[in-house]
N, C-alpha and C. Protein backbone atom coordinates (compact mmCIF):
# COMPACT_ATOMS: atom_id res chain seq x y z
N MET A 1 -24.21 -35.53 -2.82
CA MET A 1 -23.18 -33.97 -2.98
C MET A 1 -23.19 -33.99 -4.57
N ASN A 2 -23.59 -33.30 -5.60
CA ASN A 2 -22.94 -33.42 -7.01
C ASN A 2 -21.90 -32.38 -7.38
N TYR A 3 -21.33 -33.12 -7.54
CA TYR A 3 -19.55 -32.42 -7.79
C TYR A 3 -19.40 -31.46 -8.96
N HIS A 4 -20.63 -31.38 -9.78
CA HIS A 4 -21.14 -31.03 -11.14
C HIS A 4 -21.05 -29.55 -10.72
N LEU A 5 -21.90 -29.53 -9.93
CA LEU A 5 -22.58 -28.41 -9.45
C LEU A 5 -21.51 -27.00 -8.73
N MET A 6 -20.82 -28.35 -7.98
CA MET A 6 -20.12 -27.43 -6.71
C MET A 6 -18.81 -26.65 -8.03
N GLY A 7 -18.45 -27.77 -8.98
CA GLY A 7 -17.95 -27.13 -10.62
C GLY A 7 -17.95 -25.81 -10.91
N ILE A 8 -19.08 -25.66 -11.04
CA ILE A 8 -19.96 -24.88 -12.00
C ILE A 8 -19.60 -23.43 -10.84
N TYR A 9 -20.49 -23.48 -9.51
CA TYR A 9 -19.78 -22.02 -8.24
C TYR A 9 -18.65 -22.22 -8.38
N TYR A 10 -17.69 -22.83 -8.41
CA TYR A 10 -16.57 -23.01 -8.10
C TYR A 10 -16.07 -21.90 -9.63
N THR A 11 -16.57 -22.28 -10.74
CA THR A 11 -16.11 -21.07 -11.93
C THR A 11 -17.07 -20.02 -11.81
N ILE A 12 -18.23 -20.15 -11.35
CA ILE A 12 -18.85 -18.69 -11.30
C ILE A 12 -18.06 -17.57 -10.23
N ALA A 13 -17.85 -18.30 -9.05
CA ALA A 13 -16.94 -17.64 -8.39
C ALA A 13 -15.49 -16.91 -8.53
N ALA A 14 -14.71 -17.42 -9.61
CA ALA A 14 -13.74 -17.90 -10.06
C ALA A 14 -14.01 -16.04 -11.12
N VAL A 15 -14.81 -16.20 -11.73
CA VAL A 15 -14.90 -15.38 -13.10
C VAL A 15 -15.43 -14.29 -11.81
N PHE A 16 -16.45 -14.35 -10.93
CA PHE A 16 -16.90 -13.04 -10.45
C PHE A 16 -15.53 -12.40 -9.64
N LEU A 17 -14.67 -13.29 -9.40
CA LEU A 17 -13.64 -12.70 -8.22
C LEU A 17 -12.94 -12.07 -9.72
N GLY A 18 -12.42 -12.31 -10.96
CA GLY A 18 -11.62 -12.34 -11.93
C GLY A 18 -12.20 -10.46 -12.14
N MET A 19 -13.75 -10.38 -12.70
CA MET A 19 -14.36 -9.01 -12.97
C MET A 19 -13.39 -8.10 -12.22
N GLN A 20 -14.37 -8.82 -10.77
CA GLN A 20 -13.59 -7.63 -9.50
C GLN A 20 -12.30 -7.28 -9.54
N LEU A 21 -11.00 -8.17 -10.08
CA LEU A 21 -9.99 -7.52 -10.00
C LEU A 21 -9.41 -6.90 -11.08
N ALA A 22 -10.55 -6.87 -12.46
CA ALA A 22 -10.11 -6.47 -13.59
C ALA A 22 -10.78 -4.65 -13.58
N ALA A 23 -11.46 -4.63 -12.41
CA ALA A 23 -11.98 -3.45 -12.19
C ALA A 23 -11.60 -3.09 -11.56
N GLY A 24 -10.39 -3.08 -11.06
CA GLY A 24 -9.10 -2.89 -10.01
C GLY A 24 -8.94 -1.11 -10.76
N GLU A 25 -8.28 -1.18 -11.90
CA GLU A 25 -7.75 0.37 -12.35
C GLU A 25 -9.16 1.22 -12.04
N ASN A 26 -10.27 0.87 -12.18
CA ASN A 26 -11.72 2.09 -11.69
C ASN A 26 -11.67 2.28 -10.84
N LEU A 27 -11.12 1.37 -9.46
CA LEU A 27 -11.24 1.50 -8.02
C LEU A 27 -10.50 2.80 -7.77
N SER A 28 -9.44 2.83 -8.57
CA SER A 28 -8.36 3.84 -7.56
C SER A 28 -9.13 5.35 -8.67
N ALA A 29 -9.60 5.36 -9.89
CA ALA A 29 -10.38 6.74 -10.52
C ALA A 29 -11.19 7.04 -9.52
N ALA A 30 -12.12 6.18 -9.12
CA ALA A 30 -12.84 6.20 -8.19
C ALA A 30 -12.24 6.99 -6.70
N ASN A 31 -11.27 7.14 -7.00
CA ASN A 31 -10.85 7.44 -5.09
C ASN A 31 -10.03 8.72 -5.74
N PRO A 32 -10.15 9.85 -5.28
CA PRO A 32 -9.16 10.66 -5.90
C PRO A 32 -8.08 11.30 -5.51
N ASP A 33 -7.77 10.79 -4.04
CA ASP A 33 -6.87 10.92 -2.78
C ASP A 33 -5.67 9.96 -3.46
N PHE A 34 -6.22 8.06 -3.81
CA PHE A 34 -6.15 7.74 -3.88
C PHE A 34 -5.07 7.69 -5.42
N PHE A 35 -5.91 8.32 -6.51
CA PHE A 35 -5.44 8.08 -8.08
C PHE A 35 -3.95 9.00 -7.88
N GLN A 36 -4.63 10.54 -6.71
CA GLN A 36 -3.54 11.18 -7.36
C GLN A 36 -1.83 10.83 -6.44
N LEU A 37 -1.83 10.04 -5.24
CA LEU A 37 -0.56 9.35 -5.33
C LEU A 37 -0.27 8.69 -5.66
N GLN A 38 -1.54 8.00 -7.00
CA GLN A 38 -0.61 6.38 -7.86
C GLN A 38 -0.07 7.29 -8.73
N LYS A 39 -0.72 8.44 -9.12
CA LYS A 39 0.05 9.16 -10.31
C LYS A 39 1.48 9.66 -9.52
N ALA A 40 1.68 9.92 -8.75
CA ALA A 40 2.58 10.69 -7.73
C ALA A 40 3.75 9.63 -7.80
N LEU A 41 3.53 8.53 -7.22
CA LEU A 41 4.23 7.41 -7.36
C LEU A 41 4.90 6.59 -8.57
N GLU A 42 3.95 6.94 -9.22
CA GLU A 42 4.34 6.04 -10.81
C GLU A 42 5.37 7.41 -11.42
N LYS A 43 5.40 8.28 -11.31
CA LYS A 43 5.55 9.51 -11.77
C LYS A 43 7.55 9.72 -11.32
N HIS A 44 7.62 8.94 -10.15
CA HIS A 44 8.41 8.42 -9.95
C HIS A 44 9.41 7.19 -9.84
N ASN A 45 8.53 6.15 -10.51
CA ASN A 45 9.46 5.21 -11.26
C ASN A 45 9.08 4.00 -10.94
N PHE A 46 7.62 4.45 -9.72
CA PHE A 46 6.89 2.91 -8.59
C PHE A 46 6.05 2.72 -9.72
N ILE A 47 5.21 1.04 -9.53
CA ILE A 47 4.42 0.88 -9.97
C ILE A 47 3.47 0.35 -8.76
N VAL A 48 2.20 0.92 -9.41
CA VAL A 48 0.86 0.77 -8.63
C VAL A 48 0.10 -0.81 -9.27
N LYS A 49 0.05 -1.79 -8.39
CA LYS A 49 -0.68 -2.78 -9.32
C LYS A 49 -2.28 -2.87 -8.17
N ILE A 50 -2.87 -3.08 -8.90
CA ILE A 50 -4.52 -3.24 -7.37
C ILE A 50 -4.63 -5.08 -7.71
N ALA A 51 -3.94 -5.56 -6.99
CA ALA A 51 -4.14 -7.09 -6.89
C ALA A 51 -3.84 -7.63 -5.59
N PRO A 52 -3.87 -8.42 -5.05
CA PRO A 52 -3.73 -9.14 -3.96
C PRO A 52 -1.93 -9.43 -4.07
N PRO A 53 -1.72 -8.98 -2.76
CA PRO A 53 -0.24 -9.15 -2.63
C PRO A 53 0.68 -10.27 -2.91
N PRO A 54 1.42 -11.03 -3.49
CA PRO A 54 2.58 -12.00 -3.07
C PRO A 54 2.64 -12.04 -1.55
N VAL A 55 1.93 -11.65 -0.97
CA VAL A 55 2.38 -12.65 0.57
C VAL A 55 0.58 -12.26 1.47
N ARG A 56 0.27 -13.29 1.67
CA ARG A 56 -1.47 -14.36 2.12
C ARG A 56 -1.57 -13.52 3.03
N GLY A 57 -2.67 -11.95 3.50
CA GLY A 57 -2.93 -11.58 4.18
C GLY A 57 -2.85 -9.78 4.64
N ALA A 58 -2.43 -9.86 3.62
CA ALA A 58 -1.74 -8.15 3.17
C ALA A 58 -2.81 -7.54 2.35
N TYR A 59 -2.83 -6.42 3.10
CA TYR A 59 -3.55 -5.31 2.11
C TYR A 59 -2.46 -4.50 1.22
N GLY A 60 -1.26 -4.60 1.60
CA GLY A 60 -0.10 -3.54 0.89
C GLY A 60 0.68 -4.23 0.58
N LEU A 61 1.55 -3.93 0.34
CA LEU A 61 3.30 -4.83 -0.03
C LEU A 61 3.76 -4.02 -0.90
N PHE A 62 5.20 -3.48 -0.02
CA PHE A 62 6.50 -3.15 -1.59
C PHE A 62 7.25 -3.66 -1.60
N ASP A 63 7.35 -3.68 -2.64
CA ASP A 63 9.12 -4.82 -2.98
C ASP A 63 10.21 -3.59 -3.11
N SER A 64 10.89 -3.36 -2.67
CA SER A 64 12.04 -2.54 -3.14
C SER A 64 12.95 -2.74 -4.32
N LYS A 65 12.57 -4.27 -4.58
CA LYS A 65 13.48 -4.97 -5.17
C LYS A 65 13.30 -4.25 -6.72
N THR A 66 11.61 -4.65 -7.15
CA THR A 66 11.15 -4.16 -8.22
C THR A 66 10.31 -2.87 -8.38
N ARG A 67 10.62 -2.35 -7.30
CA ARG A 67 9.73 -1.10 -6.93
C ARG A 67 8.13 -1.17 -7.04
N ILE A 68 7.56 -2.46 -6.74
CA ILE A 68 6.37 -2.83 -7.01
C ILE A 68 5.47 -2.52 -5.94
N ILE A 69 4.37 -2.19 -5.55
CA ILE A 69 3.40 -1.43 -4.85
C ILE A 69 2.10 -2.76 -4.82
N TRP A 70 1.66 -3.47 -4.39
CA TRP A 70 0.30 -4.07 -4.64
C TRP A 70 -0.60 -3.42 -3.67
N ILE A 71 -1.63 -3.49 -4.03
CA ILE A 71 -2.39 -2.24 -2.81
C ILE A 71 -3.80 -3.72 -3.60
N HIS A 72 -3.81 -4.86 -2.72
CA HIS A 72 -5.43 -5.45 -2.17
C HIS A 72 -6.57 -5.02 -3.19
N PRO A 73 -7.58 -5.02 -3.76
CA PRO A 73 -8.57 -4.75 -3.76
C PRO A 73 -9.42 -4.45 -2.83
N LEU A 74 -9.28 -5.56 -2.17
CA LEU A 74 -10.30 -5.42 -0.69
C LEU A 74 -10.43 -4.25 0.05
N VAL A 75 -8.96 -3.14 0.07
CA VAL A 75 -9.02 -2.20 0.68
C VAL A 75 -9.89 -0.99 0.29
N PHE A 76 -10.87 -1.28 -1.07
CA PHE A 76 -11.46 -0.19 -1.29
C PHE A 76 -12.91 -0.63 -0.87
N ASP A 77 -13.43 -1.57 -0.49
CA ASP A 77 -14.52 -2.24 0.02
C ASP A 77 -14.49 -1.78 1.91
N LEU A 78 -13.13 -1.95 2.39
CA LEU A 78 -13.33 -1.63 3.61
C LEU A 78 -12.81 -0.52 3.82
N GLY A 79 -12.66 0.24 2.87
CA GLY A 79 -12.63 2.13 3.33
C GLY A 79 -11.22 2.36 3.77
N ILE A 80 -10.36 1.37 3.12
CA ILE A 80 -9.06 1.70 4.01
C ILE A 80 -8.08 2.11 2.90
N ALA A 81 -8.34 2.13 1.84
CA ALA A 81 -6.98 2.22 0.40
C ALA A 81 -6.48 3.54 0.75
N ARG A 82 -7.13 4.54 0.92
CA ARG A 82 -5.76 6.17 1.30
C ARG A 82 -4.86 5.28 1.92
N PRO A 83 -5.45 5.18 3.11
CA PRO A 83 -3.91 4.96 4.36
C PRO A 83 -3.44 3.88 3.75
N THR A 84 -3.45 2.59 3.18
CA THR A 84 -3.25 1.90 2.64
C THR A 84 -1.92 2.37 1.48
N LEU A 85 -2.08 3.20 0.87
CA LEU A 85 -1.25 3.38 -0.41
C LEU A 85 0.33 4.30 0.29
N ILE A 86 -0.85 5.27 1.31
CA ILE A 86 -0.06 5.99 1.68
C ILE A 86 1.11 5.79 3.04
N HIS A 87 0.69 4.50 2.97
CA HIS A 87 1.80 3.66 4.22
C HIS A 87 2.89 3.45 2.91
N GLU A 88 2.53 2.12 2.03
CA GLU A 88 3.51 2.06 1.23
C GLU A 88 4.24 2.90 0.46
N ALA A 89 3.70 3.57 0.13
CA ALA A 89 4.21 5.57 -0.60
C ALA A 89 5.47 5.58 0.81
N VAL A 90 4.95 6.24 1.53
CA VAL A 90 6.44 5.73 2.54
C VAL A 90 7.49 4.90 2.91
N HIS A 91 7.38 3.87 2.74
CA HIS A 91 8.55 2.61 1.88
C HIS A 91 8.88 2.96 0.80
N ALA A 92 8.04 3.76 0.19
CA ALA A 92 9.14 4.20 -1.42
C ALA A 92 10.11 5.26 -0.94
N ALA A 93 9.17 6.11 -0.91
CA ALA A 93 10.29 7.47 -0.21
C ALA A 93 11.35 6.64 0.69
N GLN A 94 11.08 5.89 1.19
CA GLN A 94 12.71 5.37 2.32
C GLN A 94 13.18 4.67 1.65
N LEU A 95 13.08 4.29 0.40
CA LEU A 95 14.22 3.66 -0.33
C LEU A 95 14.64 4.73 -1.37
N CYS A 96 13.65 5.46 -1.58
CA CYS A 96 14.67 6.56 -2.27
C CYS A 96 15.70 7.32 -1.45
N HIS A 97 15.29 7.79 -0.52
CA HIS A 97 16.28 8.14 0.42
C HIS A 97 17.70 7.52 0.64
N GLY A 98 17.37 5.95 0.83
CA GLY A 98 18.36 5.05 1.15
C GLY A 98 19.01 4.35 0.06
N GLY A 99 18.80 4.95 -1.10
CA GLY A 99 19.42 4.46 -2.39
C GLY A 99 18.68 3.41 -3.08
N LYS A 100 19.96 2.28 -2.79
CA LYS A 100 18.86 1.14 -2.97
C LYS A 100 18.54 0.55 -2.21
N THR A 101 18.70 0.41 -0.54
CA THR A 101 17.86 -0.24 0.25
C THR A 101 16.92 0.71 1.10
N VAL A 102 16.04 0.62 2.34
CA VAL A 102 15.09 1.38 3.00
C VAL A 102 16.31 1.92 3.98
N LYS A 103 15.81 3.11 4.30
CA LYS A 103 16.25 3.86 5.52
C LYS A 103 15.08 4.75 5.94
N ALA A 104 15.19 4.58 7.05
CA ALA A 104 14.47 5.67 7.76
C ALA A 104 14.41 6.74 7.61
N LEU A 105 13.51 7.90 7.63
CA LEU A 105 13.41 8.70 7.01
C LEU A 105 13.95 10.55 8.55
N ASN A 106 13.53 9.87 9.48
CA ASN A 106 13.69 10.53 10.27
C ASN A 106 12.76 11.85 10.50
N LEU A 107 11.50 11.54 10.70
CA LEU A 107 10.71 12.35 10.19
C LEU A 107 10.56 13.03 11.59
N GLY A 108 10.94 13.01 13.12
CA GLY A 108 10.68 13.67 14.17
C GLY A 108 9.32 13.64 14.53
N ILE A 109 8.43 12.88 14.03
CA ILE A 109 6.76 12.77 14.51
C ILE A 109 6.74 11.57 15.14
N GLU A 110 6.07 12.32 16.65
CA GLU A 110 5.77 11.23 17.59
C GLU A 110 4.36 10.13 17.13
N PRO A 111 5.00 8.96 17.13
CA PRO A 111 3.63 7.76 16.45
C PRO A 111 2.32 8.07 17.28
N PRO A 112 1.40 7.88 16.77
CA PRO A 112 0.36 8.34 17.39
C PRO A 112 -0.06 7.27 19.02
N ALA A 113 -0.04 6.47 19.82
CA ALA A 113 -0.75 5.42 20.89
C ALA A 113 -1.32 4.74 20.11
N MET A 114 -2.32 4.99 19.41
CA MET A 114 -3.01 4.29 18.50
C MET A 114 -2.57 3.32 17.34
N THR A 115 -1.62 3.43 17.15
CA THR A 115 -0.63 3.01 16.12
C THR A 115 0.37 2.36 16.94
N ARG A 116 0.43 2.10 17.56
CA ARG A 116 1.94 1.20 17.94
C ARG A 116 1.34 -0.02 18.32
N ARG A 117 0.54 -1.11 18.61
CA ARG A 117 0.26 -1.81 18.29
C ARG A 117 0.52 -2.57 17.34
N PHE A 118 0.95 -1.69 15.96
CA PHE A 118 1.34 -2.22 14.54
C PHE A 118 2.43 -2.24 14.68
N PHE A 119 2.89 -1.93 14.81
CA PHE A 119 4.47 -2.11 14.93
C PHE A 119 5.29 -2.19 15.70
N MET A 120 4.80 -2.33 17.31
CA MET A 120 5.65 -2.59 17.74
C MET A 120 6.20 -4.39 18.14
N ASN A 121 4.98 -5.02 17.14
CA ASN A 121 6.13 -6.21 17.25
C ASN A 121 7.31 -6.36 16.26
N TYR A 122 7.21 -4.92 15.71
CA TYR A 122 8.31 -5.48 14.65
C TYR A 122 10.20 -5.39 15.86
N GLU A 123 10.85 -6.07 15.10
CA GLU A 123 12.65 -5.72 15.89
C GLU A 123 13.28 -4.60 15.18
N GLY A 124 14.08 -3.35 16.09
CA GLY A 124 15.01 -3.19 15.52
C GLY A 124 14.66 -2.20 14.51
N PHE A 125 14.91 -2.12 13.38
CA PHE A 125 15.22 -0.96 12.35
C PHE A 125 14.01 -1.19 11.71
N SER A 126 13.21 -2.43 11.48
CA SER A 126 11.71 -2.61 10.91
C SER A 126 10.58 -1.97 11.88
N ARG A 127 11.55 -2.02 13.20
CA ARG A 127 10.22 -1.19 13.95
C ARG A 127 10.33 0.05 13.19
N GLN A 128 11.58 0.71 13.36
CA GLN A 128 11.40 2.22 12.68
C GLN A 128 10.72 2.49 11.72
N ILE A 129 11.05 1.65 10.82
CA ILE A 129 10.87 2.15 9.75
C ILE A 129 9.91 2.04 9.09
N GLU A 130 8.38 0.94 9.50
CA GLU A 130 6.82 0.46 10.17
C GLU A 130 6.60 2.05 11.15
N ALA A 131 6.87 2.10 11.87
CA ALA A 131 6.71 3.29 12.71
C ALA A 131 6.53 4.05 11.97
N GLU A 132 7.12 4.74 11.23
CA GLU A 132 7.36 6.11 10.25
C GLU A 132 5.83 6.03 9.16
N ALA A 133 6.03 4.49 8.58
CA ALA A 133 4.90 4.57 7.63
C ALA A 133 3.49 4.40 8.28
N TYR A 134 3.06 3.79 9.32
CA TYR A 134 1.73 4.03 10.41
C TYR A 134 1.67 5.03 10.88
N THR A 135 2.82 6.22 11.40
CA THR A 135 2.48 7.48 11.89
C THR A 135 2.00 8.64 10.51
N VAL A 136 2.80 8.75 9.43
CA VAL A 136 2.18 9.00 8.33
C VAL A 136 1.33 9.00 7.85
N GLN A 137 0.88 7.42 7.69
CA GLN A 137 -0.51 7.28 7.42
C GLN A 137 -1.60 7.79 7.78
N VAL A 138 -1.88 7.77 9.42
CA VAL A 138 -2.97 8.74 10.18
C VAL A 138 -2.76 9.72 10.70
N GLN A 139 -1.84 10.82 9.98
CA GLN A 139 -1.69 12.19 9.77
C GLN A 139 -3.12 13.00 9.23
N PRO A 140 -3.77 13.78 9.58
CA PRO A 140 -4.43 14.45 8.90
C PRO A 140 -4.09 15.00 7.93
N ASP A 141 -2.40 15.44 7.43
CA ASP A 141 -1.93 15.75 6.50
C ASP A 141 -1.61 14.51 5.89
N GLY A 142 -1.93 13.57 5.38
CA GLY A 142 -0.57 12.22 5.31
C GLY A 142 -0.55 12.33 3.95
N LEU A 143 -1.43 12.72 3.33
CA LEU A 143 -1.16 12.53 1.86
C LEU A 143 -0.62 13.18 1.38
N ASP A 144 -0.94 14.87 1.72
CA ASP A 144 0.16 15.58 1.43
C ASP A 144 1.75 15.86 1.42
N LEU A 145 1.64 14.96 3.37
CA LEU A 145 3.25 15.27 3.28
C LEU A 145 3.91 13.71 2.56
N VAL A 146 3.22 12.38 2.44
CA VAL A 146 3.89 11.55 1.51
C VAL A 146 4.39 11.65 0.17
N ILE A 147 3.31 12.82 0.00
CA ILE A 147 3.96 13.28 -1.60
C ILE A 147 5.19 14.38 -1.90
N SER A 148 5.21 15.04 -0.56
CA SER A 148 6.09 15.82 -0.32
C SER A 148 7.62 15.46 -0.42
N LEU A 149 7.14 13.54 0.81
CA LEU A 149 8.90 13.19 0.52
C LEU A 149 8.79 12.30 -0.69
N LEU A 150 8.66 12.46 -1.38
CA LEU A 150 8.27 11.72 -2.62
C LEU A 150 8.76 12.69 -3.41
N GLN A 151 8.62 13.82 -3.41
CA GLN A 151 9.43 14.78 -4.22
C GLN A 151 10.70 15.03 -3.83
N LYS A 152 11.13 15.07 -2.45
CA LYS A 152 12.35 15.19 -1.36
C LYS A 152 13.09 14.03 -1.55
N TYR A 153 12.84 13.33 -1.68
CA TYR A 153 13.87 12.26 -1.76
C TYR A 153 13.59 11.28 -2.86
N CYS A 154 13.11 11.48 -3.75
CA CYS A 154 13.23 10.36 -4.94
C CYS A 154 13.39 11.25 -6.31
N PRO A 155 14.11 11.09 -7.28
CA PRO A 155 14.70 11.47 -8.26
C PRO A 155 13.47 11.55 -9.38
């Protein structure tokens, strides 16, 4: 086995991955709904990073302390960029509603059955927070709904 060649392959793979991550800014511009929500979040002082989240295996992640939302570039290839950002944007609205901590919005929308398997493994308060995020992300008007929530709860 030629280890030198393996090093070249790893270098090529790393460069290719780096090129894909650097193109992340273009990924959002190519998705109008995503771009619209990204701009709305930025208007309310949230930062949207198109990069792998610091938690392995996550497609999206919201850090309430830094107001950073990570969106994995892979979601664009999977066709789930819009619902992923909507989900994390709901958490952003929950933070605005709670002040310094995330607080349920009590939207009064029943979570569709198809979403239950995603949040039922959470306990107590976390379950309610995740249920709201999964519920909004699957609504036909989810984009407009989450933008209105940001406008209502965020300064």
